[in-house]
Amino acid sequence: MEAMNNQEYLAETTLLDFRHSAIQQLVDARGLRNLPVGSRIGAVYQLVRDEIQFGYNASDQISASHVLRDGYGQCNTKTTLVMALLRAVGVPCRVHGATIH
């Protein structure tokens, strides 16, 4: 198993735009950075699960800040938001997808 490169999995990308002011304001308002690591992960997951409604965005290729602004998403776009929030609070992450035939 390949070792996780923390810097690579903490980097901002076009989709994972966690330095966007809306994402930073959310993280700060919830005090997410102050939680223990496991609690940070749980809080991010619950926030997106419970507060971002299910719905189809214009595209899967929209940024996390766009998903947050929309207030809804489906599996791919909610995952983008979860990942951006995790990286914003210092939790390295990546996605591993699969196709089911």
N, C-alpha and C. Protein backbone atom coordinates (compact mmCIF):
# COMPACT_ATOMS: atom_id res chain seq x y z
N MET A 1 0.85 -1.18 0.00
CA MET A 1 0.00 0.00 0.00
C MET A 1 0.89 1.24 0.00
N GLU A 2 0.58 2.15 -0.87
CA GLU A 2 1.37 3.38 -1.00
C GLU A 2 1.15 4.29 0.20
N ALA A 3 2.25 4.83 0.73
CA ALA A 3 2.16 5.75 1.86
C ALA A 3 1.47 7.04 1.41
N MET A 4 0.65 7.58 2.27
CA MET A 4 -0.07 8.81 1.96
C MET A 4 0.86 10.01 2.07
N ASN A 5 0.95 10.80 1.05
CA ASN A 5 1.72 12.04 1.07
C ASN A 5 0.82 13.13 1.61
N ASN A 6 0.99 13.46 2.89
CA ASN A 6 0.09 14.41 3.54
C ASN A 6 0.01 15.75 2.82
N GLN A 7 1.12 16.24 2.30
CA GLN A 7 1.09 17.54 1.63
C GLN A 7 0.22 17.48 0.37
N GLU A 8 0.34 16.40 -0.37
CA GLU A 8 -0.47 16.24 -1.58
C GLU A 8 -1.95 16.19 -1.23
N TYR A 9 -2.30 15.52 -0.15
CA TYR A 9 -3.69 15.33 0.23
C TYR A 9 -4.22 16.43 1.15
N LEU A 10 -3.42 17.47 1.30
CA LEU A 10 -3.87 18.67 2.01
C LEU A 10 -3.91 19.89 1.09
N ALA A 11 -3.53 19.70 -0.17
CA ALA A 11 -3.42 20.82 -1.11
C ALA A 11 -4.78 21.28 -1.60
N GLU A 12 -4.85 22.57 -1.91
CA GLU A 12 -6.04 23.13 -2.53
C GLU A 12 -5.99 22.83 -4.03
N THR A 13 -7.14 22.55 -4.61
CA THR A 13 -7.26 22.32 -6.05
C THR A 13 -8.41 23.18 -6.58
N THR A 14 -8.62 23.12 -7.86
CA THR A 14 -9.72 23.87 -8.46
C THR A 14 -11.06 23.47 -7.84
N LEU A 15 -11.28 22.18 -7.68
CA LEU A 15 -12.53 21.70 -7.08
C LEU A 15 -12.53 21.85 -5.57
N LEU A 16 -11.40 21.57 -4.94
CA LEU A 16 -11.29 21.62 -3.48
C LEU A 16 -10.75 22.99 -3.07
N ASP A 17 -11.55 23.99 -3.29
CA ASP A 17 -11.15 25.39 -3.07
C ASP A 17 -11.42 25.83 -1.62
N PHE A 18 -10.81 25.13 -0.68
CA PHE A 18 -11.12 25.34 0.73
C PHE A 18 -10.63 26.67 1.29
N ARG A 19 -9.84 27.41 0.55
CA ARG A 19 -9.44 28.74 1.00
C ARG A 19 -10.49 29.81 0.65
N HIS A 20 -11.52 29.41 -0.05
CA HIS A 20 -12.61 30.33 -0.39
C HIS A 20 -13.21 30.87 0.90
N SER A 21 -13.56 32.14 0.89
CA SER A 21 -14.04 32.80 2.11
C SER A 21 -15.27 32.11 2.72
N ALA A 22 -16.18 31.60 1.91
CA ALA A 22 -17.39 30.97 2.44
C ALA A 22 -17.04 29.70 3.22
N ILE A 23 -16.10 28.94 2.71
CA ILE A 23 -15.68 27.71 3.39
C ILE A 23 -14.93 28.07 4.67
N GLN A 24 -14.03 29.04 4.60
CA GLN A 24 -13.29 29.46 5.79
C GLN A 24 -14.23 30.00 6.86
N GLN A 25 -15.23 30.77 6.47
CA GLN A 25 -16.19 31.31 7.44
C GLN A 25 -16.98 30.20 8.11
N LEU A 26 -17.37 29.19 7.35
CA LEU A 26 -18.10 28.06 7.91
C LEU A 26 -17.24 27.30 8.92
N VAL A 27 -16.02 27.01 8.54
CA VAL A 27 -15.09 26.29 9.43
C VAL A 27 -14.87 27.09 10.71
N ASP A 28 -14.66 28.39 10.58
CA ASP A 28 -14.43 29.24 11.76
C ASP A 28 -15.68 29.33 12.64
N ALA A 29 -16.84 29.51 12.02
CA ALA A 29 -18.08 29.65 12.78
C ALA A 29 -18.40 28.40 13.58
N ARG A 30 -18.06 27.24 13.05
CA ARG A 30 -18.34 25.97 13.73
C ARG A 30 -17.21 25.54 14.67
N GLY A 31 -16.08 26.26 14.63
CA GLY A 31 -14.95 25.90 15.48
C GLY A 31 -14.37 24.53 15.13
N LEU A 32 -14.45 24.15 13.87
CA LEU A 32 -14.05 22.81 13.47
C LEU A 32 -12.56 22.53 13.67
N ARG A 33 -11.73 23.53 13.53
CA ARG A 33 -10.28 23.32 13.69
C ARG A 33 -9.90 23.01 15.14
N ASN A 34 -10.76 23.38 16.08
CA ASN A 34 -10.46 23.21 17.50
C ASN A 34 -10.82 21.83 18.03
N LEU A 35 -11.49 21.03 17.23
CA LEU A 35 -11.92 19.70 17.66
C LEU A 35 -10.79 18.69 17.51
N PRO A 36 -10.80 17.61 18.30
CA PRO A 36 -9.87 16.51 18.05
C PRO A 36 -10.09 15.97 16.64
N VAL A 37 -9.08 15.36 16.07
CA VAL A 37 -9.14 14.93 14.66
C VAL A 37 -10.36 14.07 14.37
N GLY A 38 -10.64 13.08 15.16
CA GLY A 38 -11.80 12.22 14.91
C GLY A 38 -13.10 12.99 14.95
N SER A 39 -13.21 13.92 15.86
CA SER A 39 -14.41 14.75 15.95
C SER A 39 -14.53 15.70 14.78
N ARG A 40 -13.39 16.20 14.27
CA ARG A 40 -13.41 17.05 13.07
C ARG A 40 -14.02 16.29 11.90
N ILE A 41 -13.55 15.06 11.73
CA ILE A 41 -14.03 14.23 10.62
C ILE A 41 -15.53 14.00 10.76
N GLY A 42 -15.97 13.62 11.94
CA GLY A 42 -17.39 13.37 12.18
C GLY A 42 -18.24 14.62 11.97
N ALA A 43 -17.74 15.76 12.45
CA ALA A 43 -18.50 17.01 12.33
C ALA A 43 -18.64 17.42 10.87
N VAL A 44 -17.59 17.26 10.09
CA VAL A 44 -17.64 17.59 8.66
C VAL A 44 -18.64 16.67 7.95
N TYR A 45 -18.54 15.39 8.23
CA TYR A 45 -19.45 14.43 7.61
C TYR A 45 -20.90 14.76 7.95
N GLN A 46 -21.19 14.98 9.22
CA GLN A 46 -22.56 15.28 9.64
C GLN A 46 -23.06 16.59 9.06
N LEU A 47 -22.19 17.58 8.98
CA LEU A 47 -22.59 18.87 8.42
C LEU A 47 -23.07 18.69 6.98
N VAL A 48 -22.28 18.01 6.17
CA VAL A 48 -22.64 17.84 4.76
C VAL A 48 -23.84 16.91 4.63
N ARG A 49 -23.86 15.84 5.40
CA ARG A 49 -24.98 14.90 5.33
C ARG A 49 -26.30 15.56 5.72
N ASP A 50 -26.28 16.33 6.81
CA ASP A 50 -27.52 16.85 7.38
C ASP A 50 -27.93 18.23 6.88
N GLU A 51 -26.97 19.04 6.45
CA GLU A 51 -27.29 20.43 6.13
C GLU A 51 -27.20 20.78 4.64
N ILE A 52 -26.63 19.90 3.87
CA ILE A 52 -26.59 20.10 2.41
C ILE A 52 -27.61 19.13 1.82
N GLN A 53 -28.65 19.67 1.27
CA GLN A 53 -29.74 18.85 0.74
C GLN A 53 -29.29 18.01 -0.44
N PHE A 54 -30.03 16.93 -0.71
CA PHE A 54 -29.76 16.13 -1.90
C PHE A 54 -30.38 16.81 -3.10
N GLY A 55 -29.59 16.93 -4.16
CA GLY A 55 -30.08 17.50 -5.40
C GLY A 55 -28.97 17.50 -6.43
N TYR A 56 -29.32 17.66 -7.66
CA TYR A 56 -28.35 17.59 -8.75
C TYR A 56 -27.88 18.98 -9.14
N ASN A 57 -26.59 19.21 -9.00
CA ASN A 57 -25.97 20.47 -9.39
C ASN A 57 -25.85 20.52 -10.92
N ALA A 58 -25.43 21.66 -11.42
CA ALA A 58 -25.27 21.85 -12.86
C ALA A 58 -24.26 20.88 -13.46
N SER A 59 -23.29 20.46 -12.65
CA SER A 59 -22.22 19.60 -13.14
C SER A 59 -21.53 18.94 -11.95
N ASP A 60 -20.85 17.83 -12.21
CA ASP A 60 -19.99 17.22 -11.18
C ASP A 60 -18.70 18.00 -11.03
N GLN A 61 -18.38 18.83 -11.98
CA GLN A 61 -17.10 19.54 -12.01
C GLN A 61 -17.21 20.95 -11.43
N ILE A 62 -18.00 21.12 -10.37
CA ILE A 62 -18.08 22.42 -9.73
C ILE A 62 -17.30 22.38 -8.42
N SER A 63 -16.86 23.53 -8.00
CA SER A 63 -16.03 23.62 -6.80
C SER A 63 -16.84 23.40 -5.53
N ALA A 64 -16.12 23.10 -4.47
CA ALA A 64 -16.75 22.91 -3.16
C ALA A 64 -17.50 24.17 -2.73
N SER A 65 -16.91 25.33 -2.97
CA SER A 65 -17.59 26.57 -2.58
C SER A 65 -18.89 26.76 -3.35
N HIS A 66 -18.92 26.28 -4.58
CA HIS A 66 -20.15 26.35 -5.39
C HIS A 66 -21.22 25.42 -4.81
N VAL A 67 -20.81 24.22 -4.40
CA VAL A 67 -21.75 23.28 -3.77
C VAL A 67 -22.32 23.91 -2.50
N LEU A 68 -21.43 24.50 -1.70
CA LEU A 68 -21.87 25.16 -0.47
C LEU A 68 -22.86 26.28 -0.78
N ARG A 69 -22.56 27.08 -1.79
CA ARG A 69 -23.45 28.18 -2.19
C ARG A 69 -24.80 27.64 -2.67
N ASP A 70 -24.77 26.54 -3.46
CA ASP A 70 -26.03 25.94 -3.93
C ASP A 70 -26.86 25.43 -2.76
N GLY A 71 -26.18 24.88 -1.75
CA GLY A 71 -26.89 24.31 -0.61
C GLY A 71 -27.43 22.92 -0.85
N TYR A 72 -27.04 22.31 -1.96
CA TYR A 72 -27.45 20.95 -2.28
C TYR A 72 -26.39 20.30 -3.15
N GLY A 73 -26.46 18.98 -3.23
CA GLY A 73 -25.53 18.23 -4.06
C GLY A 73 -25.91 16.77 -4.06
N GLN A 74 -25.26 16.03 -4.92
CA GLN A 74 -25.45 14.58 -4.97
C GLN A 74 -24.12 13.93 -4.57
N CYS A 75 -23.99 12.64 -4.75
CA CYS A 75 -22.83 11.94 -4.18
C CYS A 75 -21.49 12.56 -4.58
N ASN A 76 -21.29 12.86 -5.84
CA ASN A 76 -19.99 13.40 -6.27
C ASN A 76 -19.74 14.80 -5.75
N THR A 77 -20.73 15.66 -5.83
CA THR A 77 -20.51 17.04 -5.42
C THR A 77 -20.48 17.18 -3.90
N LYS A 78 -21.24 16.38 -3.20
CA LYS A 78 -21.14 16.38 -1.73
C LYS A 78 -19.77 15.87 -1.30
N THR A 79 -19.24 14.89 -2.01
CA THR A 79 -17.90 14.39 -1.71
C THR A 79 -16.86 15.49 -1.90
N THR A 80 -17.01 16.29 -2.94
CA THR A 80 -16.11 17.41 -3.16
C THR A 80 -16.14 18.36 -1.96
N LEU A 81 -17.33 18.65 -1.46
CA LEU A 81 -17.44 19.54 -0.31
C LEU A 81 -16.86 18.91 0.95
N VAL A 82 -17.13 17.63 1.19
CA VAL A 82 -16.55 16.95 2.35
C VAL A 82 -15.03 17.01 2.29
N MET A 83 -14.47 16.71 1.14
CA MET A 83 -13.01 16.71 1.01
C MET A 83 -12.43 18.10 1.24
N ALA A 84 -13.06 19.12 0.69
CA ALA A 84 -12.56 20.49 0.89
C ALA A 84 -12.62 20.88 2.36
N LEU A 85 -13.71 20.54 3.03
CA LEU A 85 -13.82 20.86 4.45
C LEU A 85 -12.79 20.10 5.27
N LEU A 86 -12.57 18.82 4.94
CA LEU A 86 -11.55 18.06 5.66
C LEU A 86 -10.17 18.67 5.48
N ARG A 87 -9.83 19.02 4.27
CA ARG A 87 -8.53 19.65 4.04
C ARG A 87 -8.44 21.00 4.73
N ALA A 88 -9.55 21.72 4.79
CA ALA A 88 -9.56 23.03 5.46
C ALA A 88 -9.25 22.90 6.94
N VAL A 89 -9.58 21.76 7.54
CA VAL A 89 -9.32 21.57 8.96
C VAL A 89 -8.10 20.68 9.21
N GLY A 90 -7.30 20.49 8.16
CA GLY A 90 -6.02 19.80 8.33
C GLY A 90 -6.07 18.29 8.29
N VAL A 91 -7.14 17.73 7.75
CA VAL A 91 -7.26 16.27 7.64
C VAL A 91 -6.95 15.87 6.20
N PRO A 92 -5.83 15.19 5.96
CA PRO A 92 -5.50 14.77 4.60
C PRO A 92 -6.55 13.78 4.08
N CYS A 93 -6.92 13.93 2.81
CA CYS A 93 -7.92 13.03 2.25
C CYS A 93 -7.77 12.96 0.74
N ARG A 94 -8.32 11.90 0.19
CA ARG A 94 -8.40 11.71 -1.25
C ARG A 94 -9.64 10.89 -1.53
N VAL A 95 -10.04 10.85 -2.76
CA VAL A 95 -11.20 10.05 -3.13
C VAL A 95 -10.71 8.83 -3.92
N HIS A 96 -11.39 7.73 -3.73
CA HIS A 96 -11.13 6.52 -4.50
C HIS A 96 -12.47 6.07 -5.05
N GLY A 97 -12.63 6.21 -6.34
CA GLY A 97 -13.91 5.88 -6.97
C GLY A 97 -13.86 4.54 -7.69
N ALA A 98 -15.01 4.04 -8.00
CA ALA A 98 -15.12 2.78 -8.73
C ALA A 98 -16.37 2.84 -9.59
N THR A 99 -16.37 2.06 -10.64
CA THR A 99 -17.54 1.94 -11.49
C THR A 99 -18.14 0.57 -11.27
N ILE A 100 -19.43 0.51 -11.08
CA ILE A 100 -20.13 -0.75 -10.89
C ILE A 100 -20.89 -1.04 -12.18
N HIS A 101 -20.63 -2.18 -12.76
CA HIS A 101 -21.29 -2.57 -14.01
C HIS A 101 -22.44 -3.51 -13.72
